[in-house]
PDB file of N, CA and C in Angstrom:
ATOM      1  N   MET A   1      69.563  12.119 -26.991  1.00  0.00           N
ATOM      2  CA  MET A   1      69.762  11.103 -28.006  1.00  0.00           C
ATOM      3  C   MET A   1      69.474   9.734 -27.394  1.00  0.00           C
ATOM      4  N   ALA A   2      68.605   9.000 -27.997  1.00  0.00           N
ATOM      5  CA  ALA A   2      68.238   7.673 -27.506  1.00  0.00           C
ATOM      6  C   ALA A   2      68.747   6.607 -28.471  1.00  0.00           C
ATOM      7  N   ILE A   3      69.137   5.487 -27.908  1.00  0.00           N
ATOM      8  CA  ILE A   3      69.576   4.344 -28.706  1.00  0.00           C
ATOM      9  C   ILE A   3      68.492   3.291 -28.609  1.00  0.00           C
ATOM     10  N   SER A   4      67.992   2.849 -29.746  1.00  0.00           N
ATOM     11  CA  SER A   4      67.001   1.794 -29.714  1.00  0.00           C
ATOM     12  C   SER A   4      67.702   0.461 -29.950  1.00  0.00           C
ATOM     13  N   LEU A   5      67.626  -0.387 -28.949  1.00  0.00           N
ATOM     14  CA  LEU A   5      68.291  -1.687 -29.007  1.00  0.00           C
ATOM     15  C   LEU A   5      67.383  -2.725 -29.647  1.00  0.00           C
ATOM     16  N   PRO A   6      67.985  -3.737 -30.272  1.00  0.00           N
ATOM     17  CA  PRO A   6      67.200  -4.824 -30.852  1.00  0.00           C
ATOM     18  C   PRO A   6      66.460  -5.605 -29.764  1.00  0.00           C
ATOM     19  N   PRO A   7      65.422  -6.337 -30.154  1.00  0.00           N
ATOM     20  CA  PRO A   7      64.621  -7.059 -29.166  1.00  0.00           C
ATOM     21  C   PRO A   7      65.292  -8.292 -28.572  1.00  0.00           C
ATOM     22  N   LYS A   8      66.317  -8.826 -29.215  1.00  0.00           N
ATOM     23  CA  LYS A   8      66.974 -10.041 -28.719  1.00  0.00           C
ATOM     24  C   LYS A   8      68.263  -9.689 -27.990  1.00  0.00           C
ATOM     25  N   VAL A   9      68.458 -10.343 -26.833  1.00  0.00           N
ATOM     26  CA  VAL A   9      69.693 -10.190 -26.070  1.00  0.00           C
ATOM     27  C   VAL A   9      70.198 -11.586 -25.744  1.00  0.00           C
ATOM     28  N   TYR A  10      71.434 -11.880 -26.148  1.00  0.00           N
ATOM     29  CA  TYR A  10      72.056 -13.165 -25.856  1.00  0.00           C
ATOM     30  C   TYR A  10      73.115 -12.964 -24.783  1.00  0.00           C
ATOM     31  N   LEU A  11      73.022 -13.745 -23.703  1.00  0.00           N
ATOM     32  CA  LEU A  11      74.007 -13.693 -22.637  1.00  0.00           C
ATOM     33  C   LEU A  11      74.936 -14.889 -22.762  1.00  0.00           C
ATOM     34  N   ALA A  12      76.234 -14.617 -22.841  1.00  0.00           N
ATOM     35  CA  ALA A  12      77.211 -15.701 -22.907  1.00  0.00           C
ATOM     36  C   ALA A  12      77.386 -16.258 -21.502  1.00  0.00           C
ATOM     37  N   CYS A  13      77.076 -17.524 -21.312  1.00  0.00           N
ATOM     38  CA  CYS A  13      77.217 -18.165 -20.007  1.00  0.00           C
ATOM     39  C   CYS A  13      78.694 -18.415 -19.719  1.00  0.00           C
ATOM     40  N   GLY A  14      79.059 -18.283 -18.480  1.00  0.00           N
ATOM     41  CA  GLY A  14      80.436 -18.536 -18.095  1.00  0.00           C
ATOM     42  C   GLY A  14      81.282 -17.281 -18.185  1.00  0.00           C
ATOM     43  N   ILE A  15      82.577 -17.503 -18.199  1.00  0.00           N
ATOM     44  CA  ILE A  15      83.550 -16.411 -18.166  1.00  0.00           C
ATOM     45  C   ILE A  15      84.146 -16.218 -19.547  1.00  0.00           C
ATOM     46  N   THR A  16      84.252 -14.970 -19.968  1.00  0.00           N
ATOM     47  CA  THR A  16      84.852 -14.632 -21.248  1.00  0.00           C
ATOM     48  C   THR A  16      86.170 -13.922 -20.996  1.00  0.00           C
ATOM     49  N   ASP A  17      87.186 -14.281 -21.756  1.00  0.00           N
ATOM     50  CA  ASP A  17      88.471 -13.593 -21.676  1.00  0.00           C
ATOM     51  C   ASP A  17      88.280 -12.182 -22.229  1.00  0.00           C
ATOM     52  N   MET A  18      88.360 -11.192 -21.357  1.00  0.00           N
ATOM     53  CA  MET A  18      88.079  -9.823 -21.759  1.00  0.00           C
ATOM     54  C   MET A  18      89.187  -9.212 -22.622  1.00  0.00           C
ATOM     55  N   ARG A  19      90.258  -9.955 -22.845  1.00  0.00           N
ATOM     56  CA  ARG A  19      91.298  -9.489 -23.772  1.00  0.00           C
ATOM     57  C   ARG A  19      90.875  -9.709 -25.215  1.00  0.00           C
ATOM     58  N   ASN A  20      89.817 -10.497 -25.419  1.00  0.00           N
ATOM     59  CA  ASN A  20      89.299 -10.711 -26.771  1.00  0.00           C
ATOM     60  C   ASN A  20      88.809  -9.399 -27.356  1.00  0.00           C
ATOM     61  N   GLY A  21      89.140  -9.189 -28.592  1.00  0.00           N
ATOM     62  CA  GLY A  21      88.635  -8.031 -29.304  1.00  0.00           C
ATOM     63  C   GLY A  21      87.370  -8.401 -30.058  1.00  0.00           C
ATOM     64  N   ILE A  22      87.004  -7.572 -30.992  1.00  0.00           N
ATOM     65  CA  ILE A  22      85.790  -7.805 -31.765  1.00  0.00           C
ATOM     66  C   ILE A  22      85.860  -9.124 -32.528  1.00  0.00           C
ATOM     67  N   ASP A  23      87.001  -9.403 -33.145  1.00  0.00           N
ATOM     68  CA  ASP A  23      87.133 -10.637 -33.918  1.00  0.00           C
ATOM     69  C   ASP A  23      87.028 -11.879 -33.039  1.00  0.00           C
ATOM     70  N   GLY A  24      87.618 -11.842 -31.855  1.00  0.00           N
ATOM     71  CA  GLY A  24      87.535 -12.976 -30.937  1.00  0.00           C
ATOM     72  C   GLY A  24      86.130 -13.219 -30.437  1.00  0.00           C
ATOM     73  N   LEU A  25      85.425 -12.145 -30.123  1.00  0.00           N
ATOM     74  CA  LEU A  25      84.043 -12.277 -29.671  1.00  0.00           C
ATOM     75  C   LEU A  25      83.140 -12.753 -30.799  1.00  0.00           C
ATOM     76  N   LEU A  26      83.403 -12.275 -31.996  1.00  0.00           N
ATOM     77  CA  LEU A  26      82.648 -12.725 -33.168  1.00  0.00           C
ATOM     78  C   LEU A  26      82.816 -14.228 -33.371  1.00  0.00           C
ATOM     79  N   ALA A  27      84.041 -14.721 -33.224  1.00  0.00           N
ATOM     80  CA  ALA A  27      84.292 -16.157 -33.365  1.00  0.00           C
ATOM     81  C   ALA A  27      83.539 -16.947 -32.289  1.00  0.00           C
ATOM     82  N   LEU A  28      83.515 -16.444 -31.063  1.00  0.00           N
ATOM     83  CA  LEU A  28      82.768 -17.117 -29.992  1.00  0.00           C
ATOM     84  C   LEU A  28      81.282 -17.203 -30.314  1.00  0.00           C
ATOM     85  N   ILE A  29      80.745 -16.128 -30.843  1.00  0.00           N
ATOM     86  CA  ILE A  29      79.316 -16.108 -31.172  1.00  0.00           C
ATOM     87  C   ILE A  29      78.994 -17.127 -32.253  1.00  0.00           C
ATOM     88  N   GLU A  30      79.783 -17.119 -33.317  1.00  0.00           N
ATOM     89  CA  GLU A  30      79.478 -17.993 -34.439  1.00  0.00           C
ATOM     90  C   GLU A  30      79.746 -19.463 -34.138  1.00  0.00           C
ATOM     91  N   GLU A  31      80.763 -19.765 -33.319  1.00  0.00           N
ATOM     92  CA  GLU A  31      81.103 -21.164 -33.030  1.00  0.00           C
ATOM     93  C   GLU A  31      80.293 -21.730 -31.880  1.00  0.00           C
ATOM     94  N   LYS A  32      80.253 -21.049 -30.762  1.00  0.00           N
ATOM     95  CA  LYS A  32      79.636 -21.599 -29.555  1.00  0.00           C
ATOM     96  C   LYS A  32      78.132 -21.355 -29.486  1.00  0.00           C
ATOM     97  N   MET A  33      77.691 -20.194 -29.930  1.00  0.00           N
ATOM     98  CA  MET A  33      76.280 -19.862 -29.795  1.00  0.00           C
ATOM     99  C   MET A  33      75.458 -20.283 -30.999  1.00  0.00           C
ATOM    100  N   ASP A  34      76.109 -20.581 -32.096  1.00  0.00           N
ATOM    101  CA  ASP A  34      75.428 -20.993 -33.331  1.00  0.00           C
ATOM    102  C   ASP A  34      74.382 -19.957 -33.759  1.00  0.00           C
ATOM    103  N   VAL A  35      74.791 -18.692 -33.687  1.00  0.00           N
ATOM    104  CA  VAL A  35      73.925 -17.575 -34.057  1.00  0.00           C
ATOM    105  C   VAL A  35      74.723 -16.684 -35.000  1.00  0.00           C
ATOM    106  N   SER A  36      74.065 -16.090 -35.956  1.00  0.00           N
ATOM    107  CA  SER A  36      74.735 -15.171 -36.871  1.00  0.00           C
ATOM    108  C   SER A  36      74.854 -13.790 -36.235  1.00  0.00           C
ATOM    109  N   ILE A  37      76.000 -13.178 -36.389  1.00  0.00           N
ATOM    110  CA  ILE A  37      76.211 -11.836 -35.854  1.00  0.00           C
ATOM    111  C   ILE A  37      75.303 -10.832 -36.561  1.00  0.00           C
ATOM    112  N   LEU A  38      74.869 -11.159 -37.764  1.00  0.00           N
ATOM    113  CA  LEU A  38      74.004 -10.258 -38.515  1.00  0.00           C
ATOM    114  C   LEU A  38      72.570 -10.270 -38.015  1.00  0.00           C
ATOM    115  N   ASP A  39      72.263 -11.208 -37.107  1.00  0.00           N
ATOM    116  CA  ASP A  39      70.951 -11.258 -36.487  1.00  0.00           C
ATOM    117  C   ASP A  39      70.767  -9.976 -35.669  1.00  0.00           C
ATOM    118  N   GLN A  40      69.569  -9.460 -35.645  1.00  0.00           N
ATOM    119  CA  GLN A  40      69.306  -8.236 -34.891  1.00  0.00           C
ATOM    120  C   GLN A  40      69.307  -8.561 -33.398  1.00  0.00           C
ATOM    121  N   ALA A  41      70.480  -8.477 -32.769  1.00  0.00           N
ATOM    122  CA  ALA A  41      70.594  -8.849 -31.367  1.00  0.00           C
ATOM    123  C   ALA A  41      71.781  -8.140 -30.722  1.00  0.00           C
ATOM    124  N   VAL A  42      71.782  -8.146 -29.401  1.00  0.00           N
ATOM    125  CA  VAL A  42      72.904  -7.672 -28.601  1.00  0.00           C
ATOM    126  C   VAL A  42      73.496  -8.896 -27.917  1.00  0.00           C
ATOM    127  N   PHE A  43      74.819  -9.011 -27.927  1.00  0.00           N
ATOM    128  CA  PHE A  43      75.520 -10.126 -27.301  1.00  0.00           C
ATOM    129  C   PHE A  43      76.290  -9.589 -26.101  1.00  0.00           C
ATOM    130  N   VAL A  44      76.093 -10.217 -24.935  1.00  0.00           N
ATOM    131  CA  VAL A  44      76.671  -9.733 -23.689  1.00  0.00           C
ATOM    132  C   VAL A  44      77.668 -10.764 -23.165  1.00  0.00           C
ATOM    133  N   PHE A  45      78.868 -10.285 -22.815  1.00  0.00           N
ATOM    134  CA  PHE A  45      79.935 -11.127 -22.270  1.00  0.00           C
ATOM    135  C   PHE A  45      80.402 -10.515 -20.956  1.00  0.00           C
ATOM    136  N   ARG A  46      80.768 -11.378 -19.985  1.00  0.00           N
ATOM    137  CA  ARG A  46      81.276 -10.858 -18.711  1.00  0.00           C
ATOM    138  C   ARG A  46      82.654 -11.420 -18.426  1.00  0.00           C
ATOM    139  N   GLY A  47      83.419 -10.660 -17.657  1.00  0.00           N
ATOM    140  CA  GLY A  47      84.765 -11.073 -17.302  1.00  0.00           C
ATOM    141  C   GLY A  47      84.789 -11.974 -16.079  1.00  0.00           C
ATOM    142  N   ARG A  48      85.980 -12.395 -15.705  1.00  0.00           N
ATOM    143  CA  ARG A  48      86.160 -13.316 -14.580  1.00  0.00           C
ATOM    144  C   ARG A  48      85.649 -12.734 -13.267  1.00  0.00           C
ATOM    145  N   ARG A  49      85.987 -11.483 -12.992  1.00  0.00           N
ATOM    146  CA  ARG A  49      85.595 -10.879 -11.712  1.00  0.00           C
ATOM    147  C   ARG A  49      84.175 -10.328 -11.729  1.00  0.00           C
ATOM    148  N   ALA A  50      83.514 -10.397 -12.847  1.00  0.00           N
ATOM    149  CA  ALA A  50      82.127  -9.932 -13.003  1.00  0.00           C
ATOM    150  C   ALA A  50      81.984  -8.440 -12.730  1.00  0.00           C
ATOM    151  N   ASP A  51      83.077  -7.691 -12.875  1.00  0.00           N
ATOM    152  CA  ASP A  51      82.981  -6.249 -12.693  1.00  0.00           C
ATOM    153  C   ASP A  51      83.019  -5.505 -14.029  1.00  0.00           C
ATOM    154  N   ARG A  52      83.109  -6.259 -15.124  1.00  0.00           N
ATOM    155  CA  ARG A  52      83.122  -5.662 -16.459  1.00  0.00           C
ATOM    156  C   ARG A  52      82.303  -6.522 -17.406  1.00  0.00           C
ATOM    157  N   ILE A  53      81.681  -5.845 -18.351  1.00  0.00           N
ATOM    158  CA  ILE A  53      80.984  -6.561 -19.412  1.00  0.00           C
ATOM    159  C   ILE A  53      81.363  -5.939 -20.751  1.00  0.00           C
ATOM    160  N   LYS A  54      81.203  -6.723 -21.798  1.00  0.00           N
ATOM    161  CA  LYS A  54      81.358  -6.230 -23.157  1.00  0.00           C
ATOM    162  C   LYS A  54      80.080  -6.549 -23.899  1.00  0.00           C
ATOM    163  N   LEU A  55      79.638  -5.583 -24.677  1.00  0.00           N
ATOM    164  CA  LEU A  55      78.455  -5.757 -25.509  1.00  0.00           C
ATOM    165  C   LEU A  55      78.883  -5.696 -26.955  1.00  0.00           C
ATOM    166  N   LEU A  56      78.352  -6.593 -27.739  1.00  0.00           N
ATOM    167  CA  LEU A  56      78.618  -6.602 -29.179  1.00  0.00           C
ATOM    168  C   LEU A  56      77.282  -6.487 -29.883  1.00  0.00           C
ATOM    169  N   TRP A  57      77.186  -5.493 -30.770  1.00  0.00           N
ATOM    170  CA  TRP A  57      75.921  -5.200 -31.415  1.00  0.00           C
ATOM    171  C   TRP A  57      76.197  -4.777 -32.838  1.00  0.00           C
ATOM    172  N   TRP A  58      75.607  -5.480 -33.786  1.00  0.00           N
ATOM    173  CA  TRP A  58      75.756  -5.164 -35.208  1.00  0.00           C
ATOM    174  C   TRP A  58      74.601  -4.247 -35.584  1.00  0.00           C
ATOM    175  N   ASP A  59      74.916  -3.039 -36.009  1.00  0.00           N
ATOM    176  CA  ASP A  59      73.848  -2.102 -36.340  1.00  0.00           C
ATOM    177  C   ASP A  59      73.653  -1.929 -37.849  1.00  0.00           C
ATOM    178  N   GLY A  60      74.305  -2.794 -38.592  1.00  0.00           N
ATOM    179  CA  GLY A  60      74.120  -2.760 -40.039  1.00  0.00           C
ATOM    180  C   GLY A  60      75.176  -1.926 -40.673  1.00  0.00           C
TER     181      GLY A  60
END
Protein backbone atom coordinates (compact mmCIF):
# COMPACT_ATOMS: atom_id res chain seq x y z
CA MET A 1 0.00 0.00 0.00
CA ALA A 2 1.48 3.33 -1.05
CA ILE A 3 0.53 6.78 0.18
CA SER A 4 0.72 9.55 -2.36
CA LEU A 5 1.62 12.80 -0.64
CA PRO A 6 0.71 16.25 -1.93
CA PRO A 7 3.40 18.22 -3.77
CA LYS A 8 3.66 20.99 -1.15
CA VAL A 9 5.43 20.56 2.18
CA TYR A 10 5.48 23.37 4.75
CA LEU A 11 8.06 23.24 7.53
CA ALA A 12 7.25 25.16 10.69
CA CYS A 13 10.40 27.05 11.68
CA GLY A 14 11.37 26.96 15.31
CA ILE A 15 10.08 24.79 18.11
CA THR A 16 6.50 23.57 18.39
CA ASP A 17 4.91 22.51 21.66
CA MET A 18 4.31 18.84 20.96
CA ARG A 19 1.45 18.78 23.48
CA ASN A 20 -0.62 20.59 20.85
CA GLY A 21 -3.28 18.45 19.31
CA ILE A 22 -4.85 18.77 15.90
CA ASP A 23 -6.79 21.90 16.84
CA GLY A 24 -3.69 23.64 18.22
CA LEU A 25 -1.63 22.83 15.15
CA LEU A 26 -4.47 23.96 12.91
CA ALA A 27 -4.54 27.31 14.71
CA LEU A 28 -0.76 27.68 14.23
CA ILE A 29 -1.08 27.02 10.52
CA GLU A 30 -3.90 29.47 9.95
CA GLU A 31 -2.49 32.27 12.14
CA LYS A 32 1.28 32.10 11.71
CA MET A 33 1.70 30.55 8.28
CA ASP A 34 -1.22 32.34 6.60
CA VAL A 35 -2.06 29.16 4.69
CA SER A 36 -5.35 27.29 4.51
CA ILE A 37 -5.36 23.78 5.93
CA LEU A 38 -7.52 22.79 2.97
CA ASP A 39 -4.59 23.49 0.67
CA GLN A 40 -3.13 20.28 -0.73
CA ALA A 41 -0.05 20.19 1.51
CA VAL A 42 1.72 18.46 4.38
CA PHE A 43 2.63 20.55 7.44
CA VAL A 44 5.66 19.46 9.48
CA PHE A 45 6.32 20.46 13.11
CA ARG A 46 9.26 19.50 15.33
CA GLY A 47 9.66 19.35 19.08
CA ARG A 48 12.22 21.01 21.33
CA ARG A 49 14.68 18.10 21.36
CA ALA A 50 14.27 17.52 17.61
CA ASP A 51 13.70 13.81 18.22
CA ARG A 52 10.00 13.93 17.29
CA ILE A 53 7.96 15.42 14.52
CA LYS A 54 4.26 15.77 13.84
CA LEU A 55 2.77 15.83 10.38
CA LEU A 56 -0.60 17.33 9.62
CA TRP A 57 -2.20 16.45 6.31
CA TRP A 58 -5.75 17.12 5.13
CA ASP A 59 -6.80 14.38 2.75
CA GLY A 60 -10.26 15.70 2.06
